[in-house]
Amino acid sequence: MPLYDCMLLLKPIIRKEGLIDLVARIGKHVYSKNGVLTEVKSFGKVELGYGIKKLDGRHYQEDKLLRWLLVKHRDIKIGSSEMEDRQDDSNRVTNRSLYDESSTDEDDDILGLSR
C-alpha cells in the first residue's frame, strides 16, 4: 500500500475538540478507502511568513480548515513484504522518468472540498 502524508493548516481559534473531530473524520474516510492512519503529529501554533485571505469572514464548506496538502511518497511500500521487494529491486536499474508512471488514483477529495 502506498504511503501518503497529509498536512492540515487550521484556523488559530480552533479548539482541541475541533481538531480531534476533524482528524477523526479524515481517519474514517481513509479507513473507508482501505487505508490506515499510522501517526498524527501536531506542530502547535506556528507563525506563518504570509497572511491567508481565508480569514476574511467568508463561509467555506469546512470552517476549521485554512489549507491542506496531500503528498504521495513514491516507491515506498508499507507491509511485511517491503524487505523482499527491496532485495529483488536492488539488482535492477530503471530509466524511469518522474512522469512515466500512470496514476490510477481517483481524484478523490479527502475533506469534500472543491478547489
Protein backbone atom coordinates (compact mmCIF):
# COMPACT_ATOMS: atom_id res chain seq x y z
CA MET A 1 0.00 0.00 0.00
CA PRO A 2 1.43 3.43 -0.87
CA LEU A 3 2.40 5.91 1.82
CA TYR A 4 0.85 9.38 1.98
CA ASP A 5 1.43 12.44 4.16
CA CYS A 6 -1.47 14.78 4.85
CA MET A 7 -0.80 18.19 6.36
CA LEU A 8 -3.61 20.38 7.66
CA LEU A 9 -3.45 24.09 8.48
CA LEU A 10 -6.30 25.11 10.77
CA LYS A 11 -7.56 28.47 11.93
CA PRO A 12 -5.86 29.63 15.14
CA ILE A 13 -9.17 29.87 17.03
CA ILE A 14 -9.95 26.14 16.68
CA ARG A 15 -10.06 24.30 19.98
CA LYS A 16 -8.57 20.87 20.60
CA GLU A 17 -12.01 19.22 20.37
CA GLY A 18 -12.49 20.64 16.87
CA LEU A 19 -9.09 19.37 15.82
CA ILE A 20 -9.82 15.89 17.16
CA ASP A 21 -13.18 15.87 15.36
CA LEU A 22 -11.58 16.83 12.03
CA VAL A 23 -8.79 14.25 12.34
CA ALA A 24 -11.36 11.58 13.28
CA ARG A 25 -13.42 12.38 10.17
CA ILE A 26 -10.31 12.17 7.98
CA GLY A 27 -9.32 8.89 9.64
CA LYS A 28 -12.78 7.43 8.96
CA HIS A 29 -12.52 8.47 5.30
CA VAL A 30 -9.05 6.91 4.99
CA TYR A 31 -10.29 3.71 6.64
CA SER A 32 -13.30 3.56 4.29
CA LYS A 33 -10.83 3.54 1.36
CA ASN A 34 -8.91 0.60 2.94
CA GLY A 35 -6.17 2.87 4.27
CA VAL A 36 -4.58 3.08 7.69
CA LEU A 37 -3.81 6.17 9.75
CA THR A 38 -0.41 5.42 11.29
CA GLU A 39 0.61 8.62 13.03
CA VAL A 40 -0.77 12.03 13.99
CA LYS A 41 1.60 14.89 14.83
CA SER A 42 0.84 18.41 15.96
CA PHE A 43 3.22 21.26 15.22
CA GLY A 44 1.32 23.55 17.58
CA LYS A 45 0.78 27.19 16.72
CA VAL A 46 3.24 28.35 14.08
CA GLU A 47 3.76 31.93 12.91
CA LEU A 48 3.40 31.99 9.11
CA GLY A 49 5.52 34.10 6.82
CA TYR A 50 2.44 35.42 5.00
CA GLY A 51 -1.22 36.08 5.65
CA ILE A 52 -4.02 33.83 4.48
CA LYS A 53 -7.03 35.52 2.90
CA LYS A 54 -9.47 32.86 4.11
CA LEU A 55 -9.68 34.72 7.41
CA ASP A 56 -11.74 37.47 5.75
CA GLY A 57 -15.11 36.24 7.06
CA ARG A 58 -16.39 34.33 4.03
CA HIS A 59 -18.12 30.99 4.56
CA TYR A 60 -16.47 27.82 3.32
CA GLN A 61 -17.54 24.18 3.31
CA GLU A 62 -15.09 23.37 6.12
CA ASP A 63 -14.85 26.34 8.51
CA LYS A 64 -11.95 24.97 10.57
CA LEU A 65 -9.55 24.35 7.71
CA LEU A 66 -7.39 27.02 6.04
CA ARG A 67 -5.19 24.84 3.81
CA TRP A 68 -4.42 21.16 3.28
CA LEU A 69 -1.75 19.24 1.41
CA LEU A 70 -1.65 15.56 0.45
CA VAL A 71 1.68 14.10 -0.72
CA LYS A 72 2.22 10.57 -2.06
CA HIS A 73 5.64 9.07 -1.38
CA ARG A 74 6.99 7.29 -4.43
CA ASP A 75 8.48 3.79 -4.21
CA ILE A 76 7.73 3.41 -0.50
CA LYS A 77 5.58 0.47 0.49
CA ILE A 78 4.24 -0.38 3.89
CA GLY A 79 3.90 -4.04 4.82
CA SER A 80 5.77 -7.23 5.59
CA SER A 81 6.96 -7.78 2.02
CA GLU A 82 8.89 -4.50 1.94
CA MET A 83 12.28 -6.10 2.60
CA GLU A 84 11.72 -8.83 0.00
CA ASP A 85 10.80 -6.23 -2.61
CA ARG A 86 13.91 -4.17 -1.86
CA GLN A 87 16.17 -7.21 -2.27
CA ASP A 88 14.57 -8.03 -5.63
CA ASP A 89 14.82 -4.42 -6.82
CA SER A 90 18.44 -3.92 -5.73
CA ASN A 91 19.73 -5.81 -8.77
CA ARG A 92 17.70 -3.82 -11.29
CA VAL A 93 18.41 -0.39 -12.75
CA THR A 94 15.48 1.51 -14.21
CA ASN A 95 15.40 4.51 -16.54
CA ARG A 96 12.04 5.83 -15.46
CA SER A 97 11.04 9.42 -15.73
CA LEU A 98 9.07 11.03 -12.94
CA TYR A 99 6.11 11.36 -15.29
CA ASP A 100 6.16 7.87 -16.85
CA GLU A 101 4.10 6.27 -14.13
CA SER A 102 0.40 6.34 -14.93
CA SER A 103 -1.75 7.20 -11.97
CA THR A 104 -4.84 5.12 -11.33
CA ASP A 105 -5.76 7.01 -8.18
CA GLU A 106 -9.18 8.58 -8.17
CA ASP A 107 -9.33 12.34 -7.90
CA ASP A 108 -10.96 11.96 -4.52
CA ASP A 109 -11.03 14.94 -2.24
CA ILE A 110 -10.47 13.68 1.30
CA LEU A 111 -12.21 16.53 3.00
CA GLY A 112 -15.01 17.11 0.49
CA LEU A 113 -13.57 20.47 -0.52
CA SER A 114 -13.61 21.79 -4.04
CA ARG A 115 -10.76 23.93 -5.24
